């Protein structure tokens, strides 16, 4: 199962991260869910809290996936 980490900055800007695909931004929850359903057989949405972000950063999870 793919974990899709998300940060809903505003209702029309949802930033996501997966270890497989890196960073993406969606304009709506519907867009996010539609793309995830097409790209992944199974996925889990996980809120990317500041604490979780820092843990992942310290663990090197984001290396090689820097946003452009």
N, C-alpha and C. Protein backbone atom coordinates (compact mmCIF):
# COMPACT_ATOMS: atom_id res chain seq x y z
N UNK A 1 0.85 -1.18 0.00
CA UNK A 1 0.00 0.00 0.00
C UNK A 1 0.89 1.24 0.00
N UNK A 2 0.58 2.15 -0.87
CA UNK A 2 1.32 3.41 -0.98
C UNK A 2 0.77 4.42 0.04
N UNK A 3 1.66 5.06 0.75
CA UNK A 3 1.25 6.14 1.64
C UNK A 3 1.39 7.45 0.88
N UNK A 4 0.29 8.20 0.82
CA UNK A 4 0.28 9.52 0.19
C UNK A 4 0.20 10.54 1.32
N UNK A 5 1.31 11.18 1.59
CA UNK A 5 1.37 12.19 2.63
C UNK A 5 0.85 13.49 2.06
N UNK A 6 -0.01 14.18 2.80
CA UNK A 6 -0.62 15.41 2.28
C UNK A 6 -0.59 16.53 3.29
N UNK A 7 -0.59 17.74 2.77
CA UNK A 7 -0.70 18.96 3.56
C UNK A 7 -1.70 19.84 2.84
N UNK A 8 -2.89 19.97 3.41
CA UNK A 8 -3.94 20.79 2.80
C UNK A 8 -3.74 22.23 3.24
N UNK A 9 -2.87 22.93 2.52
CA UNK A 9 -2.55 24.32 2.84
C UNK A 9 -3.80 25.18 2.75
N UNK A 10 -4.53 25.04 1.66
CA UNK A 10 -5.84 25.70 1.47
C UNK A 10 -6.73 24.68 0.75
N UNK A 11 -8.04 24.92 0.67
CA UNK A 11 -8.91 23.97 -0.02
C UNK A 11 -8.55 23.77 -1.50
N UNK A 12 -7.90 24.76 -2.11
CA UNK A 12 -7.55 24.61 -3.53
C UNK A 12 -6.04 24.44 -3.74
N UNK A 13 -5.33 24.04 -2.69
CA UNK A 13 -3.90 23.73 -2.81
C UNK A 13 -3.54 22.64 -1.81
N UNK A 14 -3.49 21.41 -2.31
CA UNK A 14 -3.17 20.26 -1.48
C UNK A 14 -1.83 19.71 -1.95
N UNK A 15 -0.82 19.86 -1.13
CA UNK A 15 0.51 19.36 -1.47
C UNK A 15 0.62 17.91 -1.01
N UNK A 16 1.24 17.08 -1.85
CA UNK A 16 1.39 15.67 -1.51
C UNK A 16 2.82 15.21 -1.72
N UNK A 17 3.14 14.10 -1.08
CA UNK A 17 4.44 13.46 -1.26
C UNK A 17 4.26 11.95 -1.18
N UNK A 18 4.87 11.24 -2.11
CA UNK A 18 5.02 9.79 -2.00
C UNK A 18 6.49 9.48 -2.24
N UNK A 19 6.97 8.42 -1.61
CA UNK A 19 8.37 8.03 -1.82
C UNK A 19 8.58 7.58 -3.26
N UNK A 20 7.54 7.09 -3.88
CA UNK A 20 7.62 6.61 -5.26
C UNK A 20 7.69 7.76 -6.27
N UNK A 21 6.86 8.79 -6.08
CA UNK A 21 6.71 9.84 -7.09
C UNK A 21 7.17 11.23 -6.66
N UNK A 22 7.52 11.42 -5.40
CA UNK A 22 7.96 12.73 -4.95
C UNK A 22 6.80 13.67 -4.63
N UNK A 23 7.00 14.95 -4.91
CA UNK A 23 6.05 15.99 -4.54
C UNK A 23 5.10 16.33 -5.69
N UNK A 24 3.83 16.53 -5.37
CA UNK A 24 2.82 17.02 -6.32
C UNK A 24 1.86 17.93 -5.58
N UNK A 25 1.21 18.81 -6.34
CA UNK A 25 0.19 19.69 -5.78
C UNK A 25 -1.10 19.49 -6.56
N UNK A 26 -2.20 19.42 -5.83
CA UNK A 26 -3.53 19.24 -6.44
C UNK A 26 -4.40 20.43 -6.09
N UNK A 27 -5.37 20.71 -6.98
CA UNK A 27 -6.27 21.84 -6.79
C UNK A 27 -7.53 21.48 -6.02
N UNK A 28 -7.77 20.17 -5.82
CA UNK A 28 -8.95 19.76 -5.06
C UNK A 28 -8.77 18.34 -4.53
N UNK A 29 -9.57 18.00 -3.52
CA UNK A 29 -9.56 16.65 -2.98
C UNK A 29 -10.00 15.65 -4.05
N UNK A 30 -10.98 16.06 -4.86
CA UNK A 30 -11.47 15.17 -5.92
C UNK A 30 -10.35 14.83 -6.90
N UNK A 31 -9.55 15.83 -7.29
CA UNK A 31 -8.42 15.59 -8.19
C UNK A 31 -7.41 14.64 -7.54
N UNK A 32 -7.10 14.90 -6.29
CA UNK A 32 -6.14 14.06 -5.56
C UNK A 32 -6.61 12.61 -5.52
N UNK A 33 -7.85 12.40 -5.13
CA UNK A 33 -8.37 11.04 -5.01
C UNK A 33 -8.49 10.35 -6.37
N UNK A 34 -8.84 11.10 -7.41
CA UNK A 34 -8.95 10.51 -8.75
C UNK A 34 -7.59 10.04 -9.25
N UNK A 35 -6.58 10.87 -9.09
CA UNK A 35 -5.23 10.50 -9.55
C UNK A 35 -4.69 9.34 -8.73
N UNK A 36 -4.88 9.37 -7.43
CA UNK A 36 -4.40 8.27 -6.58
C UNK A 36 -5.08 6.95 -6.96
N UNK A 37 -6.36 7.01 -7.24
CA UNK A 37 -7.09 5.80 -7.63
C UNK A 37 -6.58 5.24 -8.95
N UNK A 38 -6.18 6.13 -9.86
CA UNK A 38 -5.65 5.67 -11.16
C UNK A 38 -4.21 5.15 -11.03
N UNK A 39 -3.39 5.83 -10.20
CA UNK A 39 -1.97 5.50 -10.12
C UNK A 39 -1.63 4.35 -9.18
N UNK A 40 -2.44 4.14 -8.15
CA UNK A 40 -2.11 3.16 -7.12
C UNK A 40 -3.27 2.20 -6.91
N UNK A 41 -2.96 0.91 -6.81
CA UNK A 41 -4.00 -0.07 -6.53
C UNK A 41 -4.62 0.19 -5.15
N UNK A 42 -3.75 0.41 -4.18
CA UNK A 42 -4.19 0.73 -2.83
C UNK A 42 -3.34 1.88 -2.31
N UNK A 43 -3.99 2.81 -1.62
CA UNK A 43 -3.24 3.93 -1.06
C UNK A 43 -3.89 4.37 0.24
N UNK A 44 -3.10 5.03 1.05
CA UNK A 44 -3.55 5.57 2.32
C UNK A 44 -3.17 7.04 2.37
N UNK A 45 -4.13 7.90 2.69
CA UNK A 45 -3.84 9.32 2.87
C UNK A 45 -3.38 9.55 4.31
N UNK A 46 -2.23 10.18 4.45
CA UNK A 46 -1.64 10.43 5.76
C UNK A 46 -1.34 11.91 5.87
N UNK A 47 -1.92 12.58 6.87
CA UNK A 47 -1.66 14.00 7.04
C UNK A 47 -0.20 14.23 7.42
N UNK A 48 0.44 15.12 6.70
CA UNK A 48 1.85 15.42 6.94
C UNK A 48 1.93 16.57 7.94
N UNK A 49 1.92 16.21 9.21
CA UNK A 49 2.01 17.19 10.28
C UNK A 49 3.44 17.73 10.35
N UNK A 50 3.65 18.86 11.00
CA UNK A 50 5.03 19.37 11.15
C UNK A 50 5.94 18.35 11.83
N UNK A 51 5.42 17.63 12.84
CA UNK A 51 6.23 16.64 13.54
C UNK A 51 6.63 15.50 12.61
N UNK A 52 5.66 14.99 11.84
CA UNK A 52 5.93 13.89 10.91
C UNK A 52 6.90 14.35 9.81
N UNK A 53 6.70 15.56 9.31
CA UNK A 53 7.61 16.12 8.30
C UNK A 53 9.04 16.12 8.82
N UNK A 54 9.23 16.62 10.04
CA UNK A 54 10.58 16.70 10.62
C UNK A 54 11.18 15.31 10.81
N UNK A 55 10.37 14.34 11.24
CA UNK A 55 10.85 12.96 11.38
C UNK A 55 11.31 12.41 10.03
N UNK A 56 10.50 12.63 9.00
CA UNK A 56 10.84 12.14 7.66
C UNK A 56 12.07 12.85 7.11
N UNK A 57 12.17 14.15 7.38
CA UNK A 57 13.32 14.93 6.94
C UNK A 57 14.60 14.40 7.59
N UNK A 58 14.54 14.19 8.90
CA UNK A 58 15.70 13.69 9.64
C UNK A 58 16.11 12.29 9.16
N UNK A 59 15.12 11.49 8.73
CA UNK A 59 15.38 10.12 8.26
C UNK A 59 15.87 10.09 6.81
N UNK A 60 15.87 11.25 6.14
CA UNK A 60 16.35 11.32 4.77
C UNK A 60 15.35 10.88 3.72
N UNK A 61 14.09 10.79 4.09
CA UNK A 61 13.05 10.31 3.16
C UNK A 61 12.92 11.20 1.93
N UNK A 62 13.14 12.50 2.09
CA UNK A 62 12.93 13.44 0.99
C UNK A 62 14.14 13.58 0.06
N UNK A 63 15.26 12.95 0.40
CA UNK A 63 16.47 13.09 -0.42
C UNK A 63 16.20 12.59 -1.83
N UNK A 64 16.59 13.41 -2.80
CA UNK A 64 16.37 13.07 -4.20
C UNK A 64 14.99 13.44 -4.70
N UNK A 65 14.17 14.02 -3.83
CA UNK A 65 12.81 14.41 -4.20
C UNK A 65 12.54 15.89 -3.94
N UNK A 66 13.57 16.71 -3.99
CA UNK A 66 13.38 18.12 -3.69
C UNK A 66 12.39 18.74 -4.66
N UNK A 67 11.41 19.52 -4.14
CA UNK A 67 10.45 20.16 -5.05
C UNK A 67 11.15 21.18 -5.94
N UNK A 68 10.64 21.31 -7.16
CA UNK A 68 11.25 22.22 -8.13
C UNK A 68 10.85 23.63 -8.00
